[in-house]
Structure formats: structure tokens, C-alpha cells
Amino acid sequence: MKRFAFYIIVAAQVLFLVGMSVAYYAMDAFGETIQLKTAPIDPRDLFYGDYVILNYEIETIEEGKWAGVVPEYGEIVYVLLEEGENGLYQVAAASQEKLDPAAGQVRIKGKYQWHNDGRSEHMVTYGINRYHVEENTGEQYEQRRDDMIVEVVVAPWGQKKIINLKLN
């Protein structure tokens, strides 16, 4: 009986790891690729090399696009994005409630940061603010921070990842 329980525990751990890997790669097949406008800065990490910190225009949400109760710091929120005329995705609506996307919209999950009363806007972060770049190329991205587009895959189950960083 002990041997059987041991095999069950090992199998469960293996299935969990395989499931995590499959979910990550399944995003490419089942997720929707969107493009976001950024404003990065360029730090450096001794262990990982150059990376770019990315701030997205969709992190700032106008008061009029917020529906429902304003959440507390760190609470999960849902933002609907839709493609604008220039091919970049913009905020259509946001709420603490899970919003259902209409045709042409993508739902992305984020964490609420704060409300700026003076500017009537809400701040949200999405957990995709760090992107590693080739060694000694971080400065190139920093100098062109206002001219960058990020391609992000957003899976139907909520997972997201950066797949490309483009300089215009």
C-alpha cells in the first residue's frame, strides 16, 4: 500500500509539471495576439543581463470606462481591450467583476493599484512589465522608448506572455 501511495504522489507531481508546461505552450495555439503601446525604462540585472521595464498605456484607465465598485489595492480586476484604428489595443471597459468580451474584444486580468482622483483615472498592472533583451541592447530600447510596440499573447484561461518587442 505504501508503494502504491508513493507512485500516486510522484505521478501527481509529474502531471502537475507537465500541465504547467502544456498550458504555457498552448497559449500560442489558443491565445489571441494583441499589440500594446509602451513607455519602458532600461535597468540591468547581474544574473539575467539586460531587460526592459515596460509601462503600458492600458495601465491607466479613465474613470468613465470603470464599471462597478472601486477595488482595494492588489485585488484582481478584469479589463476588456479592443483594437483601435492603428492596430493597437485600447481599454474598452474595466471592472472588478469578470466581464464577457464581445466580438473583437480581449479580456485581460490585472491587479488594481490605485485611483488618481485629480486626474479621474484608475491604475492597473498586468504582470507583463519585464522583458529580457539581448546583451548590450537595453540602451537601444531605452532611447526609443516612445516608439515601441509589444506583442502579447492572451490565452482564454487568463494566462499572458510577451512574445515580441518591436521598435518602429
C-alpha atoms as a PDB file:
ATOM      1  CA  MET A   1       0.000   0.000   0.000  1.00  0.00           C
ATOM      2  CA  LYS A   2       2.838   2.412   0.813  1.00  0.00           C
ATOM      3  CA  ARG A   3       4.437   1.752  -2.563  1.00  0.00           C
ATOM      4  CA  PHE A   4       1.144   2.467  -4.357  1.00  0.00           C
ATOM      5  CA  ALA A   5       0.688   5.764  -2.472  1.00  0.00           C
ATOM      6  CA  PHE A   6       4.275   6.737  -3.347  1.00  0.00           C
ATOM      7  CA  TYR A   7       3.638   6.150  -7.065  1.00  0.00           C
ATOM      8  CA  ILE A   8       0.414   8.135  -6.939  1.00  0.00           C
ATOM      9  CA  ILE A   9       2.189  11.117  -5.331  1.00  0.00           C
ATOM     10  CA  VAL A  10       5.029  11.003  -7.870  1.00  0.00           C
ATOM     11  CA  ALA A  11       2.557  10.720 -10.768  1.00  0.00           C
ATOM     12  CA  ALA A  12       0.551  13.691  -9.462  1.00  0.00           C
ATOM     13  CA  GLN A  13       3.688  15.835  -9.275  1.00  0.00           C
ATOM     14  CA  VAL A  14       4.733  14.865 -12.801  1.00  0.00           C
ATOM     15  CA  LEU A  15       1.237  15.589 -14.158  1.00  0.00           C
ATOM     16  CA  PHE A  16       1.239  18.983 -12.461  1.00  0.00           C
ATOM     17  CA  LEU A  17       4.581  19.945 -14.057  1.00  0.00           C
ATOM     18  CA  VAL A  18       3.515  18.652 -17.467  1.00  0.00           C
ATOM     19  CA  GLY A  19       0.229  20.541 -17.161  1.00  0.00           C
ATOM     20  CA  MET A  20       2.035  23.810 -16.402  1.00  0.00           C
ATOM     21  CA  SER A  21       4.268  23.347 -19.452  1.00  0.00           C
ATOM     22  CA  VAL A  22       1.379  22.417 -21.734  1.00  0.00           C
ATOM     23  CA  ALA A  23      -0.636  25.473 -20.575  1.00  0.00           C
ATOM     24  CA  TYR A  24       2.301  27.788 -21.328  1.00  0.00           C
ATOM     25  CA  TYR A  25       2.798  26.486 -24.862  1.00  0.00           C
ATOM     26  CA  ALA A  26      -0.934  26.115 -25.530  1.00  0.00           C
ATOM     27  CA  MET A  27      -1.226  29.905 -25.278  1.00  0.00           C
ATOM     28  CA  ASP A  28       0.444  30.162 -28.688  1.00  0.00           C
ATOM     29  CA  ALA A  29      -2.178  27.891 -30.247  1.00  0.00           C
ATOM     30  CA  PHE A  30      -5.332  29.060 -28.454  1.00  0.00           C
ATOM     31  CA  GLY A  31      -4.496  32.590 -27.296  1.00  0.00           C
ATOM     32  CA  GLU A  32      -5.072  35.842 -29.126  1.00  0.00           C
ATOM     33  CA  THR A  33      -2.092  38.038 -30.001  1.00  0.00           C
ATOM     34  CA  ILE A  34      -2.559  41.724 -29.236  1.00  0.00           C
ATOM     35  CA  GLN A  35      -0.272  44.750 -29.633  1.00  0.00           C
ATOM     36  CA  LEU A  36       0.214  47.305 -26.860  1.00  0.00           C
ATOM     37  CA  LYS A  37       1.952  50.708 -26.774  1.00  0.00           C
ATOM     38  CA  THR A  38       4.665  51.059 -24.139  1.00  0.00           C
ATOM     39  CA  ALA A  39       6.934  53.502 -22.349  1.00  0.00           C
ATOM     40  CA  PRO A  40       9.903  51.486 -20.956  1.00  0.00           C
ATOM     41  CA  ILE A  41      12.997  52.207 -18.899  1.00  0.00           C
ATOM     42  CA  ASP A  42      16.232  50.227 -19.102  1.00  0.00           C
ATOM     43  CA  PRO A  43      17.629  48.538 -15.983  1.00  0.00           C
ATOM     44  CA  ARG A  44      20.269  45.809 -15.861  1.00  0.00           C
ATOM     45  CA  ASP A  45      20.326  42.609 -13.809  1.00  0.00           C
ATOM     46  CA  LEU A  46      23.649  41.000 -12.896  1.00  0.00           C
ATOM     47  CA  PHE A  47      22.216  37.492 -13.246  1.00  0.00           C
ATOM     48  CA  TYR A  48      19.885  37.880 -16.221  1.00  0.00           C
ATOM     49  CA  GLY A  49      21.529  40.666 -18.253  1.00  0.00           C
ATOM     50  CA  ASP A  50      19.662  43.488 -19.953  1.00  0.00           C
ATOM     51  CA  TYR A  51      15.935  43.810 -19.584  1.00  0.00           C
ATOM     52  CA  VAL A  52      13.360  46.466 -20.260  1.00  0.00           C
ATOM     53  CA  ILE A  53      10.704  47.581 -17.794  1.00  0.00           C
ATOM     54  CA  LEU A  54       7.527  48.225 -19.745  1.00  0.00           C
ATOM     55  CA  ASN A  55       4.711  50.553 -18.819  1.00  0.00           C
ATOM     56  CA  TYR A  56       1.589  50.216 -20.948  1.00  0.00           C
ATOM     57  CA  GLU A  57      -0.933  52.845 -21.931  1.00  0.00           C
ATOM     58  CA  ILE A  58      -3.661  50.356 -20.932  1.00  0.00           C
ATOM     59  CA  GLU A  59      -2.455  50.519 -17.311  1.00  0.00           C
ATOM     60  CA  THR A  60      -4.174  53.898 -16.986  1.00  0.00           C
ATOM     61  CA  ILE A  61      -7.957  53.554 -17.203  1.00  0.00           C
ATOM     62  CA  GLU A  62     -10.249  56.573 -17.485  1.00  0.00           C
ATOM     63  CA  GLU A  63     -12.975  56.972 -14.858  1.00  0.00           C
ATOM     64  CA  GLY A  64     -15.720  56.658 -17.496  1.00  0.00           C
ATOM     65  CA  LYS A  65     -14.540  53.189 -18.533  1.00  0.00           C
ATOM     66  CA  TRP A  66     -14.655  51.798 -14.994  1.00  0.00           C
ATOM     67  CA  ALA A  67     -17.788  49.853 -14.074  1.00  0.00           C
ATOM     68  CA  GLY A  68     -18.907  48.969 -10.571  1.00  0.00           C
ATOM     69  CA  VAL A  69     -17.185  49.252  -7.216  1.00  0.00           C
ATOM     70  CA  VAL A  70     -13.611  50.505  -6.990  1.00  0.00           C
ATOM     71  CA  PRO A  71     -11.492  47.640  -5.614  1.00  0.00           C
ATOM     72  CA  GLU A  72      -8.797  47.754  -2.956  1.00  0.00           C
ATOM     73  CA  TYR A  73      -5.072  47.722  -3.765  1.00  0.00           C
ATOM     74  CA  GLY A  74      -3.910  44.360  -5.145  1.00  0.00           C
ATOM     75  CA  GLU A  75      -7.367  42.957  -5.899  1.00  0.00           C
ATOM     76  CA  ILE A  76      -7.974  41.182  -9.204  1.00  0.00           C
ATOM     77  CA  VAL A  77      -9.691  43.239 -11.928  1.00  0.00           C
ATOM     78  CA  TYR A  78     -10.756  42.463 -15.487  1.00  0.00           C
ATOM     79  CA  VAL A  79     -10.147  44.769 -18.424  1.00  0.00           C
ATOM     80  CA  LEU A  80     -11.704  44.490 -21.873  1.00  0.00           C
ATOM     81  CA  LEU A  81      -9.420  45.570 -24.699  1.00  0.00           C
ATOM     82  CA  GLU A  82     -10.395  46.296 -28.277  1.00  0.00           C
ATOM     83  CA  GLU A  83      -8.310  47.049 -31.321  1.00  0.00           C
ATOM     84  CA  GLY A  84      -8.030  50.715 -32.259  1.00  0.00           C
ATOM     85  CA  GLU A  85      -7.609  52.225 -35.715  1.00  0.00           C
ATOM     86  CA  ASN A  86      -3.815  51.950 -35.524  1.00  0.00           C
ATOM     87  CA  GLY A  87      -3.874  48.214 -34.698  1.00  0.00           C
ATOM     88  CA  LEU A  88      -3.026  48.806 -31.038  1.00  0.00           C
ATOM     89  CA  TYR A  89      -5.375  47.563 -28.346  1.00  0.00           C
ATOM     90  CA  GLN A  90      -7.028  50.070 -26.019  1.00  0.00           C
ATOM     91  CA  VAL A  91      -9.220  49.846 -22.933  1.00  0.00           C
ATOM     92  CA  ALA A  92     -12.936  49.439 -23.683  1.00  0.00           C
ATOM     93  CA  ALA A  93     -14.128  48.727 -20.119  1.00  0.00           C
ATOM     94  CA  ALA A  94     -12.834  47.608 -16.725  1.00  0.00           C
ATOM     95  CA  SER A  95     -14.376  46.152 -13.588  1.00  0.00           C
ATOM     96  CA  GLN A  96     -13.752  44.037 -10.545  1.00  0.00           C
ATOM     97  CA  GLU A  97     -16.410  41.696 -11.971  1.00  0.00           C
ATOM     98  CA  LYS A  98     -15.457  39.248 -14.737  1.00  0.00           C
ATOM     99  CA  LEU A  99     -16.510  40.979 -17.956  1.00  0.00           C
ATOM    100  CA  ASP A 100     -17.593  38.970 -21.007  1.00  0.00           C
ATOM    101  CA  PRO A 101     -15.749  40.070 -24.146  1.00  0.00           C
ATOM    102  CA  ALA A 102     -17.807  40.908 -27.232  1.00  0.00           C
ATOM    103  CA  ALA A 103     -16.633  40.096 -30.747  1.00  0.00           C
ATOM    104  CA  GLY A 104     -13.303  41.798 -31.374  1.00  0.00           C
ATOM    105  CA  GLN A 105     -12.534  42.231 -27.662  1.00  0.00           C
ATOM    106  CA  VAL A 106      -9.996  40.516 -25.430  1.00  0.00           C
ATOM    107  CA  ARG A 107     -10.293  40.141 -21.649  1.00  0.00           C
ATOM    108  CA  ILE A 108      -7.080  40.559 -19.664  1.00  0.00           C
ATOM    109  CA  LYS A 109      -6.719  40.081 -15.920  1.00  0.00           C
ATOM    110  CA  GLY A 110      -4.762  42.551 -13.830  1.00  0.00           C
ATOM    111  CA  LYS A 111      -4.227  43.815 -10.301  1.00  0.00           C
ATOM    112  CA  TYR A 112      -5.680  47.085  -9.122  1.00  0.00           C
ATOM    113  CA  GLN A 113      -3.111  49.652  -7.963  1.00  0.00           C
ATOM    114  CA  TRP A 114      -4.793  52.956  -7.080  1.00  0.00           C
ATOM    115  CA  HIS A 115      -7.259  55.657  -8.097  1.00  0.00           C
ATOM    116  CA  ASN A 116      -5.983  59.102  -9.037  1.00  0.00           C
ATOM    117  CA  ASP A 117      -8.786  61.473  -8.012  1.00  0.00           C
ATOM    118  CA  GLY A 118      -7.088  64.532  -9.505  1.00  0.00           C
ATOM    119  CA  ARG A 119      -6.933  63.015 -12.989  1.00  0.00           C
ATOM    120  CA  SER A 120     -10.025  60.771 -12.665  1.00  0.00           C
ATOM    121  CA  GLU A 121      -8.199  57.581 -13.641  1.00  0.00           C
ATOM    122  CA  HIS A 122      -7.523  54.136 -12.247  1.00  0.00           C
ATOM    123  CA  MET A 123      -4.137  52.402 -12.359  1.00  0.00           C
ATOM    124  CA  VAL A 124      -3.839  48.650 -13.054  1.00  0.00           C
ATOM    125  CA  THR A 125      -0.831  46.376 -13.555  1.00  0.00           C
ATOM    126  CA  TYR A 126      -0.880  43.196 -15.646  1.00  0.00           C
ATOM    127  CA  GLY A 127       2.264  41.322 -14.591  1.00  0.00           C
ATOM    128  CA  ILE A 128       3.949  41.608 -18.006  1.00  0.00           C
ATOM    129  CA  ASN A 129       6.187  44.581 -17.252  1.00  0.00           C
ATOM    130  CA  ARG A 130       9.603  42.946 -17.620  1.00  0.00           C
ATOM    131  CA  TYR A 131      11.152  41.722 -20.871  1.00  0.00           C
ATOM    132  CA  HIS A 132      14.702  40.430 -21.252  1.00  0.00           C
ATOM    133  CA  VAL A 133      16.604  41.611 -24.316  1.00  0.00           C
ATOM    134  CA  GLU A 134      19.927  40.621 -25.879  1.00  0.00           C
ATOM    135  CA  GLU A 135      23.074  41.633 -24.026  1.00  0.00           C
ATOM    136  CA  ASN A 136      24.090  45.279 -24.642  1.00  0.00           C
ATOM    137  CA  THR A 137      20.850  46.177 -26.459  1.00  0.00           C
ATOM    138  CA  GLY A 138      18.955  47.641 -23.500  1.00  0.00           C
ATOM    139  CA  GLU A 139      20.180  51.173 -24.199  1.00  0.00           C
ATOM    140  CA  GLN A 140      18.871  50.951 -27.768  1.00  0.00           C
ATOM    141  CA  TYR A 141      15.389  50.199 -26.415  1.00  0.00           C
ATOM    142  CA  GLU A 142      15.685  52.952 -23.794  1.00  0.00           C
ATOM    143  CA  GLN A 143      16.487  55.586 -26.409  1.00  0.00           C
ATOM    144  CA  ARG A 144      13.421  54.638 -28.460  1.00  0.00           C
ATOM    145  CA  ARG A 145      11.002  54.101 -25.597  1.00  0.00           C
ATOM    146  CA  ASP A 146       8.210  56.158 -27.176  1.00  0.00           C
ATOM    147  CA  ASP A 147       8.378  54.192 -30.422  1.00  0.00           C
ATOM    148  CA  MET A 148       7.856  50.605 -29.212  1.00  0.00           C
ATOM    149  CA  ILE A 149       5.088  48.068 -29.660  1.00  0.00           C
ATOM    150  CA  VAL A 150       4.793  44.892 -27.579  1.00  0.00           C
ATOM    151  CA  GLU A 151       3.061  41.769 -28.877  1.00  0.00           C
ATOM    152  CA  VAL A 152       1.356  39.836 -26.093  1.00  0.00           C
ATOM    153  CA  VAL A 153      -0.488  36.521 -26.277  1.00  0.00           C
ATOM    154  CA  VAL A 154      -3.561  36.396 -24.034  1.00  0.00           C
ATOM    155  CA  ALA A 155      -4.975  32.897 -23.520  1.00  0.00           C
ATOM    156  CA  PRO A 156      -8.703  32.309 -22.972  1.00  0.00           C
ATOM    157  CA  TRP A 157      -7.942  30.957 -19.469  1.00  0.00           C
ATOM    158  CA  GLY A 158      -6.230  34.238 -18.450  1.00  0.00           C
ATOM    159  CA  GLN A 159      -2.539  33.473 -18.881  1.00  0.00           C
ATOM    160  CA  LYS A 160      -0.468  36.006 -20.805  1.00  0.00           C
ATOM    161  CA  LYS A 161       3.095  36.382 -22.095  1.00  0.00           C
ATOM    162  CA  ILE A 162       5.162  38.781 -24.156  1.00  0.00           C
ATOM    163  CA  ILE A 163       6.216  37.243 -27.473  1.00  0.00           C
ATOM    164  CA  ASN A 164       7.869  40.178 -29.222  1.00  0.00           C
ATOM    165  CA  LEU A 165       9.100  43.711 -28.681  1.00  0.00           C
ATOM    166  CA  LYS A 166       9.190  45.810 -31.860  1.00  0.00           C
ATOM    167  CA  LEU A 167      10.900  49.127 -32.499  1.00  0.00           C
ATOM    168  CA  ASN A 168       9.077  51.195 -35.124  1.00  0.00           C
END
